[in-house]
Structure formats: C-alpha cells, structure tokens
Amino acid sequence: MPKYRFEFLQETDAAPVVLELAGEDAAKAQARQAMAEAVLDHVSKRLDPSKLATRIYDEAGYLIATVDFGSVFTDTEDKEPPSALIPR
C-alpha cells in the first residue's frame, strides 16, 4: 500500500504522520476524520479551530490535497424541504 505524509500546519508541536493507506481517497478521508477530532479538541479548550489545516503528500513528496476547517465543516443545503424529512 502507498504511504502518505500528513502535515498539520497550525499545530507547530505536531510532527508529520506517515500512514500506509489504500489510496488518495482513503488519505483524504483519514485527514477529514483527524480534522473533525482536532476541531473538537480545539473547541473543548476554547480555541479557534477555523485556521486548522492538514496537507497530504504522496510517497514522492507531491502535495495531493489540503484539508482545512472549511472543507470539512461547510454549510450544506438540504435537497428536500425540512417537512419532507419528518416521518408521518
């Protein structure tokens, strides 16, 4: 399996993490999950999580994605009106 390096831009004391994952989609999913956990940690400490970001690099050192607060926690519109979501 390919290896991916995760760098945490706003957490200066955090060392990069290297993980073996199935592919780019798995690496992005891992980064989104880690972002959600980091946001919870920041909020519990009353810190602003909006500047958090993680860069993902492939084995060759190429940047393949950046996962930031906005890419994980965005406003989305429901495709159905709220009344359609209430069971009858």
C-alpha atoms as a PDB file:
ATOM      1  CA  MET A   1       0.000   0.000   0.000  1.00  0.00           C
ATOM      2  CA  PRO A   2       1.201   3.533  -0.691  1.00  0.00           C
ATOM      3  CA  LYS A   3       2.388   5.792   2.122  1.00  0.00           C
ATOM      4  CA  TYR A   4       1.030   9.283   2.739  1.00  0.00           C
ATOM      5  CA  ARG A   5       2.543  12.032   4.882  1.00  0.00           C
ATOM      6  CA  PHE A   6       0.220  14.322   6.826  1.00  0.00           C
ATOM      7  CA  GLU A   7       1.486  17.735   7.971  1.00  0.00           C
ATOM      8  CA  PHE A   8      -0.530  19.774  10.449  1.00  0.00           C
ATOM      9  CA  LEU A   9       0.004  23.422   9.560  1.00  0.00           C
ATOM     10  CA  GLN A  10      -1.315  25.216  12.642  1.00  0.00           C
ATOM     11  CA  GLU A  11      -0.075  22.701  15.194  1.00  0.00           C
ATOM     12  CA  THR A  12       3.609  23.581  15.324  1.00  0.00           C
ATOM     13  CA  ASP A  13       4.383  20.995  18.004  1.00  0.00           C
ATOM     14  CA  ALA A  14       2.868  18.133  15.974  1.00  0.00           C
ATOM     15  CA  ALA A  15       5.296  16.023  13.964  1.00  0.00           C
ATOM     16  CA  PRO A  16       4.248  14.852  10.486  1.00  0.00           C
ATOM     17  CA  VAL A  17       2.499  11.481  10.435  1.00  0.00           C
ATOM     18  CA  VAL A  18       3.143   8.821   7.771  1.00  0.00           C
ATOM     19  CA  LEU A  19       0.449   6.203   7.170  1.00  0.00           C
ATOM     20  CA  GLU A  20       0.034   3.347   4.711  1.00  0.00           C
ATOM     21  CA  LEU A  21      -3.401   3.679   3.144  1.00  0.00           C
ATOM     22  CA  ALA A  22      -5.290   2.163   0.212  1.00  0.00           C
ATOM     23  CA  GLY A  23      -5.152   5.307  -1.926  1.00  0.00           C
ATOM     24  CA  GLU A  24      -5.722   9.051  -2.184  1.00  0.00           C
ATOM     25  CA  ASP A  25      -9.401   8.804  -1.260  1.00  0.00           C
ATOM     26  CA  ALA A  26      -8.512   6.898   1.913  1.00  0.00           C
ATOM     27  CA  ALA A  27      -5.859   9.505   2.752  1.00  0.00           C
ATOM     28  CA  LYS A  28      -8.363  12.338   2.309  1.00  0.00           C
ATOM     29  CA  ALA A  29     -10.937  10.509   4.439  1.00  0.00           C
ATOM     30  CA  GLN A  30      -8.321   9.983   7.150  1.00  0.00           C
ATOM     31  CA  ALA A  31      -7.449  13.699   7.080  1.00  0.00           C
ATOM     32  CA  ARG A  32     -11.127  14.715   7.316  1.00  0.00           C
ATOM     33  CA  GLN A  33     -11.616  12.415  10.318  1.00  0.00           C
ATOM     34  CA  ALA A  34      -8.495  13.794  12.004  1.00  0.00           C
ATOM     35  CA  MET A  35      -9.686  17.336  11.275  1.00  0.00           C
ATOM     36  CA  ALA A  36     -13.029  16.652  12.959  1.00  0.00           C
ATOM     37  CA  GLU A  37     -11.212  15.319  16.032  1.00  0.00           C
ATOM     38  CA  ALA A  38      -8.826  18.300  16.108  1.00  0.00           C
ATOM     39  CA  VAL A  39     -11.764  20.707  15.914  1.00  0.00           C
ATOM     40  CA  LEU A  40     -13.416  19.026  18.903  1.00  0.00           C
ATOM     41  CA  ASP A  41     -10.145  19.257  20.817  1.00  0.00           C
ATOM     42  CA  HIS A  42      -9.753  22.957  19.998  1.00  0.00           C
ATOM     43  CA  VAL A  43     -13.349  23.778  20.897  1.00  0.00           C
ATOM     44  CA  SER A  44     -13.062  21.950  24.232  1.00  0.00           C
ATOM     45  CA  LYS A  45     -10.036  24.156  25.016  1.00  0.00           C
ATOM     46  CA  ARG A  46     -11.907  27.273  23.828  1.00  0.00           C
ATOM     47  CA  LEU A  47      -9.507  27.758  20.914  1.00  0.00           C
ATOM     48  CA  ASP A  48     -10.490  28.899  17.422  1.00  0.00           C
ATOM     49  CA  PRO A  49     -10.401  25.861  15.096  1.00  0.00           C
ATOM     50  CA  SER A  50     -11.098  27.800  11.892  1.00  0.00           C
ATOM     51  CA  LYS A  51      -7.412  28.075  10.931  1.00  0.00           C
ATOM     52  CA  LEU A  52      -6.661  24.342  11.202  1.00  0.00           C
ATOM     53  CA  ALA A  53      -5.307  22.733   8.040  1.00  0.00           C
ATOM     54  CA  THR A  54      -3.601  19.492   7.053  1.00  0.00           C
ATOM     55  CA  ARG A  55      -1.534  18.910   3.937  1.00  0.00           C
ATOM     56  CA  ILE A  56      -1.327  15.426   2.448  1.00  0.00           C
ATOM     57  CA  TYR A  57       1.728  14.356   0.446  1.00  0.00           C
ATOM     58  CA  ASP A  58       2.255  11.159  -1.538  1.00  0.00           C
ATOM     59  CA  GLU A  59       5.373   8.967  -1.346  1.00  0.00           C
ATOM     60  CA  ALA A  60       7.128  11.048  -3.988  1.00  0.00           C
ATOM     61  CA  GLY A  61       6.598  14.186  -1.895  1.00  0.00           C
ATOM     62  CA  TYR A  62       3.919  15.748  -4.087  1.00  0.00           C
ATOM     63  CA  LEU A  63       1.109  17.642  -2.398  1.00  0.00           C
ATOM     64  CA  ILE A  64      -2.107  15.795  -3.247  1.00  0.00           C
ATOM     65  CA  ALA A  65      -4.607  17.626  -1.029  1.00  0.00           C
ATOM     66  CA  THR A  66      -5.136  20.181   1.685  1.00  0.00           C
ATOM     67  CA  VAL A  67      -7.905  19.543   4.178  1.00  0.00           C
ATOM     68  CA  ASP A  68      -8.913  22.586   6.183  1.00  0.00           C
ATOM     69  CA  PHE A  69     -11.694  23.545   8.554  1.00  0.00           C
ATOM     70  CA  GLY A  70     -13.854  24.929   5.741  1.00  0.00           C
ATOM     71  CA  SER A  71     -13.587  21.785   3.639  1.00  0.00           C
ATOM     72  CA  VAL A  72     -14.866  19.615   6.485  1.00  0.00           C
ATOM     73  CA  PHE A  73     -17.403  21.913   8.126  1.00  0.00           C
ATOM     74  CA  THR A  74     -19.340  23.692   5.399  1.00  0.00           C
ATOM     75  CA  ASP A  75     -22.935  24.793   5.235  1.00  0.00           C
ATOM     76  CA  THR A  76     -24.940  22.500   3.006  1.00  0.00           C
ATOM     77  CA  GLU A  77     -28.460  22.881   1.821  1.00  0.00           C
ATOM     78  CA  ASP A  78     -30.905  20.031   2.238  1.00  0.00           C
ATOM     79  CA  LYS A  79     -32.076  18.720  -1.087  1.00  0.00           C
ATOM     80  CA  GLU A  80     -35.525  18.190   0.378  1.00  0.00           C
ATOM     81  CA  PRO A  81     -37.522  20.685   2.410  1.00  0.00           C
ATOM     82  CA  PRO A  82     -37.494  20.007   6.183  1.00  0.00           C
ATOM     83  CA  SER A  83     -41.137  18.890   6.115  1.00  0.00           C
ATOM     84  CA  ALA A  84     -40.151  16.006   3.827  1.00  0.00           C
ATOM     85  CA  LEU A  85     -37.696  14.771   6.457  1.00  0.00           C
ATOM     86  CA  ILE A  86     -40.301  14.402   9.229  1.00  0.00           C
ATOM     87  CA  PRO A  87     -41.779  10.889   9.424  1.00  0.00           C
ATOM     88  CA  ARG A  88     -45.572  10.682   9.298  1.00  0.00           C
END
